[in-house]
Amino acid sequence: VRNLDDSRVEVIAQAEEEVLQALIDWCHRGPPSAKVERVELIELNFGENFDDFNVV
């Protein structure tokens, strides 16, 4: 998860389908102070599983 210079937020996530869908649903709403205008999804294939979490 990282904030970009143009006020967008980038998230790279890996999880079970149900968990990812919950994250996507939350991204469409965002936190109370956010104004979400658009959510863009790009499916990537990393070939291996993540084993940690970082906020950049």
PDB file of N, CA and C in Angstrom:
ATOM      1  N   VAL A   1       0.863  -1.168   0.000  1.00  0.00           N
ATOM      2  CA  VAL A   1       0.000   0.000   0.000  1.00  0.00           C
ATOM      3  C   VAL A   1       0.900   1.218   0.000  1.00  0.00           C
ATOM      4  N   ARG A   2       0.632   2.145  -0.932  1.00  0.00           N
ATOM      5  CA  ARG A   2       1.421   3.379  -0.907  1.00  0.00           C
ATOM      6  C   ARG A   2       0.631   4.528  -1.507  1.00  0.00           C
ATOM      7  N   ASN A   3       0.882   5.720  -0.987  1.00  0.00           N
ATOM      8  CA  ASN A   3       0.299   6.939  -1.524  1.00  0.00           C
ATOM      9  C   ASN A   3       1.181   7.416  -2.663  1.00  0.00           C
ATOM     10  N   LEU A   4       0.563   7.775  -3.776  1.00  0.00           N
ATOM     11  CA  LEU A   4       1.294   8.286  -4.923  1.00  0.00           C
ATOM     12  C   LEU A   4       1.296   9.813  -4.899  1.00  0.00           C
ATOM     13  N   ASP A   5       2.221  10.433  -5.634  1.00  0.00           N
ATOM     14  CA  ASP A   5       2.366  11.887  -5.631  1.00  0.00           C
ATOM     15  C   ASP A   5       1.116  12.623  -6.110  1.00  0.00           C
ATOM     16  N   ASP A   6       0.297  11.980  -6.927  1.00  0.00           N
ATOM     17  CA  ASP A   6      -0.891  12.640  -7.487  1.00  0.00           C
ATOM     18  C   ASP A   6      -2.162  12.378  -6.670  1.00  0.00           C
ATOM     19  N   SER A   7      -2.010  11.998  -5.413  1.00  0.00           N
ATOM     20  CA  SER A   7      -3.114  11.751  -4.459  1.00  0.00           C
ATOM     21  C   SER A   7      -3.792  10.401  -4.622  1.00  0.00           C
ATOM     22  N   ARG A   8      -3.334   9.586  -5.561  1.00  0.00           N
ATOM     23  CA  ARG A   8      -3.890   8.242  -5.691  1.00  0.00           C
ATOM     24  C   ARG A   8      -3.223   7.328  -4.672  1.00  0.00           C
ATOM     25  N   VAL A   9      -3.847   6.180  -4.457  1.00  0.00           N
ATOM     26  CA  VAL A   9      -3.303   5.159  -3.564  1.00  0.00           C
ATOM     27  C   VAL A   9      -3.141   3.885  -4.372  1.00  0.00           C
ATOM     28  N   GLU A  10      -1.994   3.244  -4.245  1.00  0.00           N
ATOM     29  CA  GLU A  10      -1.727   1.990  -4.949  1.00  0.00           C
ATOM     30  C   GLU A  10      -1.707   0.854  -3.933  1.00  0.00           C
ATOM     31  N   VAL A  11      -2.415  -0.215  -4.254  1.00  0.00           N
ATOM     32  CA  VAL A  11      -2.469  -1.391  -3.388  1.00  0.00           C
ATOM     33  C   VAL A  11      -2.103  -2.609  -4.220  1.00  0.00           C
ATOM     34  N   ILE A  12      -1.184  -3.403  -3.744  1.00  0.00           N
ATOM     35  CA  ILE A  12      -0.899  -4.711  -4.341  1.00  0.00           C
ATOM     36  C   ILE A  12      -1.261  -5.723  -3.272  1.00  0.00           C
ATOM     37  N   ALA A  13      -2.220  -6.586  -3.591  1.00  0.00           N
ATOM     38  CA  ALA A  13      -2.739  -7.514  -2.584  1.00  0.00           C
ATOM     39  C   ALA A  13      -2.825  -8.920  -3.146  1.00  0.00           C
ATOM     40  N   GLN A  14      -2.691  -9.868  -2.249  1.00  0.00           N
ATOM     41  CA  GLN A  14      -2.824 -11.279  -2.595  1.00  0.00           C
ATOM     42  C   GLN A  14      -3.580 -11.949  -1.460  1.00  0.00           C
ATOM     43  N   ALA A  15      -4.673 -12.630  -1.800  1.00  0.00           N
ATOM     44  CA  ALA A  15      -5.484 -13.294  -0.772  1.00  0.00           C
ATOM     45  C   ALA A  15      -6.485 -14.208  -1.459  1.00  0.00           C
ATOM     46  N   GLU A  16      -7.253 -14.901  -0.650  1.00  0.00           N
ATOM     47  CA  GLU A  16      -8.346 -15.705  -1.177  1.00  0.00           C
ATOM     48  C   GLU A  16      -9.344 -14.774  -1.866  1.00  0.00           C
ATOM     49  N   GLU A  17     -10.065 -15.297  -2.848  1.00  0.00           N
ATOM     50  CA  GLU A  17     -11.011 -14.506  -3.644  1.00  0.00           C
ATOM     51  C   GLU A  17     -11.981 -13.704  -2.774  1.00  0.00           C
ATOM     52  N   GLU A  18     -12.534 -14.339  -1.753  1.00  0.00           N
ATOM     53  CA  GLU A  18     -13.511 -13.684  -0.876  1.00  0.00           C
ATOM     54  C   GLU A  18     -12.889 -12.497  -0.134  1.00  0.00           C
ATOM     55  N   VAL A  19     -11.668 -12.654   0.317  1.00  0.00           N
ATOM     56  CA  VAL A  19     -10.969 -11.587   1.042  1.00  0.00           C
ATOM     57  C   VAL A  19     -10.624 -10.447   0.094  1.00  0.00           C
ATOM     58  N   LEU A  20     -10.155 -10.780  -1.111  1.00  0.00           N
ATOM     59  CA  LEU A  20      -9.855  -9.739  -2.094  1.00  0.00           C
ATOM     60  C   LEU A  20     -11.105  -8.956  -2.449  1.00  0.00           C
ATOM     61  N   GLN A  21     -12.233  -9.626  -2.603  1.00  0.00           N
ATOM     62  CA  GLN A  21     -13.472  -8.924  -2.942  1.00  0.00           C
ATOM     63  C   GLN A  21     -13.876  -7.966  -1.830  1.00  0.00           C
ATOM     64  N   ALA A  22     -13.691  -8.369  -0.590  1.00  0.00           N
ATOM     65  CA  ALA A  22     -13.990  -7.476   0.539  1.00  0.00           C
ATOM     66  C   ALA A  22     -13.083  -6.244   0.500  1.00  0.00           C
ATOM     67  N   LEU A  23     -11.811  -6.428   0.167  1.00  0.00           N
ATOM     68  CA  LEU A  23     -10.881  -5.303   0.049  1.00  0.00           C
ATOM     69  C   LEU A  23     -11.301  -4.381  -1.089  1.00  0.00           C
ATOM     70  N   ILE A  24     -11.658  -4.952  -2.225  1.00  0.00           N
ATOM     71  CA  ILE A  24     -12.101  -4.154  -3.371  1.00  0.00           C
ATOM     72  C   ILE A  24     -13.349  -3.355  -3.010  1.00  0.00           C
ATOM     73  N   ASP A  25     -14.297  -3.993  -2.348  1.00  0.00           N
ATOM     74  CA  ASP A  25     -15.518  -3.296  -1.920  1.00  0.00           C
ATOM     75  C   ASP A  25     -15.174  -2.123  -1.009  1.00  0.00           C
ATOM     76  N   TRP A  26     -14.245  -2.340  -0.064  1.00  0.00           N
ATOM     77  CA  TRP A  26     -13.838  -1.266   0.838  1.00  0.00           C
ATOM     78  C   TRP A  26     -13.151  -0.138   0.062  1.00  0.00           C
ATOM     79  N   CYS A  27     -12.339  -0.486  -0.926  1.00  0.00           N
ATOM     80  CA  CYS A  27     -11.648   0.535  -1.721  1.00  0.00           C
ATOM     81  C   CYS A  27     -12.643   1.448  -2.438  1.00  0.00           C
ATOM     82  N   HIS A  28     -13.763   0.905  -2.859  1.00  0.00           N
ATOM     83  CA  HIS A  28     -14.789   1.726  -3.514  1.00  0.00           C
ATOM     84  C   HIS A  28     -15.401   2.735  -2.536  1.00  0.00           C
ATOM     85  N   ARG A  29     -15.442   2.415  -1.256  1.00  0.00           N
ATOM     86  CA  ARG A  29     -15.977   3.322  -0.232  1.00  0.00           C
ATOM     87  C   ARG A  29     -14.878   4.208   0.341  1.00  0.00           C
ATOM     88  N   GLY A  30     -13.758   3.607   0.696  1.00  0.00           N
ATOM     89  CA  GLY A  30     -12.657   4.321   1.326  1.00  0.00           C
ATOM     90  C   GLY A  30     -12.972   4.702   2.761  1.00  0.00           C
ATOM     91  N   PRO A  31     -11.998   5.283   3.451  1.00  0.00           N
ATOM     92  CA  PRO A  31     -12.228   5.740   4.820  1.00  0.00           C
ATOM     93  C   PRO A  31     -13.136   6.978   4.810  1.00  0.00           C
ATOM     94  N   PRO A  32     -13.698   7.343   5.961  1.00  0.00           N
ATOM     95  CA  PRO A  32     -14.644   8.468   6.012  1.00  0.00           C
ATOM     96  C   PRO A  32     -14.107   9.777   5.429  1.00  0.00           C
ATOM     97  N   SER A  33     -12.824  10.054   5.562  1.00  0.00           N
ATOM     98  CA  SER A  33     -12.267  11.324   5.086  1.00  0.00           C
ATOM     99  C   SER A  33     -11.876  11.303   3.610  1.00  0.00           C
ATOM    100  N   ALA A  34     -12.039  10.174   2.934  1.00  0.00           N
ATOM    101  CA  ALA A  34     -11.604  10.048   1.538  1.00  0.00           C
ATOM    102  C   ALA A  34     -12.731  10.358   0.564  1.00  0.00           C
ATOM    103  N   LYS A  35     -12.335  10.805  -0.618  1.00  0.00           N
ATOM    104  CA  LYS A  35     -13.270  10.977  -1.729  1.00  0.00           C
ATOM    105  C   LYS A  35     -12.790  10.033  -2.833  1.00  0.00           C
ATOM    106  N   VAL A  36     -13.440   8.899  -2.969  1.00  0.00           N
ATOM    107  CA  VAL A  36     -13.047   7.907  -3.969  1.00  0.00           C
ATOM    108  C   VAL A  36     -13.744   8.248  -5.280  1.00  0.00           C
ATOM    109  N   GLU A  37     -12.958   8.530  -6.308  1.00  0.00           N
ATOM    110  CA  GLU A  37     -13.516   8.858  -7.617  1.00  0.00           C
ATOM    111  C   GLU A  37     -13.508   7.663  -8.559  1.00  0.00           C
ATOM    112  N   ARG A  38     -12.525   6.780  -8.384  1.00  0.00           N
ATOM    113  CA  ARG A  38     -12.389   5.657  -9.309  1.00  0.00           C
ATOM    114  C   ARG A  38     -11.524   4.580  -8.672  1.00  0.00           C
ATOM    115  N   VAL A  39     -11.842   3.333  -8.978  1.00  0.00           N
ATOM    116  CA  VAL A  39     -11.015   2.195  -8.573  1.00  0.00           C
ATOM    117  C   VAL A  39     -10.652   1.451  -9.844  1.00  0.00           C
ATOM    118  N   GLU A  40      -9.366   1.262 -10.067  1.00  0.00           N
ATOM    119  CA  GLU A  40      -8.878   0.541 -11.246  1.00  0.00           C
ATOM    120  C   GLU A  40      -8.238  -0.757 -10.774  1.00  0.00           C
ATOM    121  N   LEU A  41      -8.661  -1.866 -11.354  1.00  0.00           N
ATOM    122  CA  LEU A  41      -8.122  -3.176 -10.988  1.00  0.00           C
ATOM    123  C   LEU A  41      -7.273  -3.722 -12.125  1.00  0.00           C
ATOM    124  N   ILE A  42      -6.100  -4.198 -11.786  1.00  0.00           N
ATOM    125  CA  ILE A  42      -5.212  -4.853 -12.745  1.00  0.00           C
ATOM    126  C   ILE A  42      -4.756  -6.155 -12.103  1.00  0.00           C
ATOM    127  N   GLU A  43      -5.042  -7.263 -12.751  1.00  0.00           N
ATOM    128  CA  GLU A  43      -4.635  -8.560 -12.210  1.00  0.00           C
ATOM    129  C   GLU A  43      -3.206  -8.859 -12.652  1.00  0.00           C
ATOM    130  N   LEU A  44      -2.358  -9.169 -11.690  1.00  0.00           N
ATOM    131  CA  LEU A  44      -0.955  -9.479 -11.947  1.00  0.00           C
ATOM    132  C   LEU A  44      -0.670 -10.914 -11.533  1.00  0.00           C
ATOM    133  N   ASN A  45       0.303 -11.532 -12.164  1.00  0.00           N
ATOM    134  CA  ASN A  45       0.713 -12.879 -11.794  1.00  0.00           C
ATOM    135  C   ASN A  45       2.171 -12.820 -11.354  1.00  0.00           C
ATOM    136  N   PHE A  46       2.398 -12.885 -10.044  1.00  0.00           N
ATOM    137  CA  PHE A  46       3.749 -12.806  -9.504  1.00  0.00           C
ATOM    138  C   PHE A  46       4.445 -14.157  -9.456  1.00  0.00           C
ATOM    139  N   GLY A  47       3.689 -15.241  -9.539  1.00  0.00           N
ATOM    140  CA  GLY A  47       4.283 -16.563  -9.551  1.00  0.00           C
ATOM    141  C   GLY A  47       4.660 -17.118  -8.191  1.00  0.00           C
ATOM    142  N   GLU A  48       4.541 -16.322  -7.142  1.00  0.00           N
ATOM    143  CA  GLU A  48       4.825 -16.811  -5.796  1.00  0.00           C
ATOM    144  C   GLU A  48       3.949 -16.059  -4.806  1.00  0.00           C
ATOM    145  N   ASN A  49       3.821 -16.589  -3.607  1.00  0.00           N
ATOM    146  CA  ASN A  49       2.979 -15.973  -2.585  1.00  0.00           C
ATOM    147  C   ASN A  49       3.757 -14.959  -1.771  1.00  0.00           C
ATOM    148  N   PHE A  50       3.079 -13.873  -1.388  1.00  0.00           N
ATOM    149  CA  PHE A  50       3.664 -12.915  -0.455  1.00  0.00           C
ATOM    150  C   PHE A  50       3.672 -13.535   0.931  1.00  0.00           C
ATOM    151  N   ASP A  51       4.655 -13.182   1.745  1.00  0.00           N
ATOM    152  CA  ASP A  51       4.682 -13.690   3.112  1.00  0.00           C
ATOM    153  C   ASP A  51       4.785 -12.581   4.154  1.00  0.00           C
ATOM    154  N   ASP A  52       4.616 -11.308   3.722  1.00  0.00           N
ATOM    155  CA  ASP A  52       4.619 -10.204   4.672  1.00  0.00           C
ATOM    156  C   ASP A  52       3.774  -9.057   4.145  1.00  0.00           C
ATOM    157  N   PHE A  53       3.734  -7.965   4.909  1.00  0.00           N
ATOM    158  CA  PHE A  53       2.902  -6.818   4.587  1.00  0.00           C
ATOM    159  C   PHE A  53       3.722  -5.558   4.784  1.00  0.00           C
ATOM    160  N   ASN A  54       3.657  -4.636   3.823  1.00  0.00           N
ATOM    161  CA  ASN A  54       4.379  -3.377   3.939  1.00  0.00           C
ATOM    162  C   ASN A  54       3.474  -2.223   3.558  1.00  0.00           C
ATOM    163  N   VAL A  55       3.548  -1.133   4.313  1.00  0.00           N
ATOM    164  CA  VAL A  55       2.935   0.128   3.932  1.00  0.00           C
ATOM    165  C   VAL A  55       4.095   1.046   3.610  1.00  0.00           C
ATOM    166  N   VAL A  56       4.120   1.562   2.386  1.00  0.00           N
ATOM    167  CA  VAL A  56       5.239   2.384   1.937  1.00  0.00           C
ATOM    168  C   VAL A  56       4.847   3.848   1.980  1.00  0.00           C
TER     169      VAL A  56
END
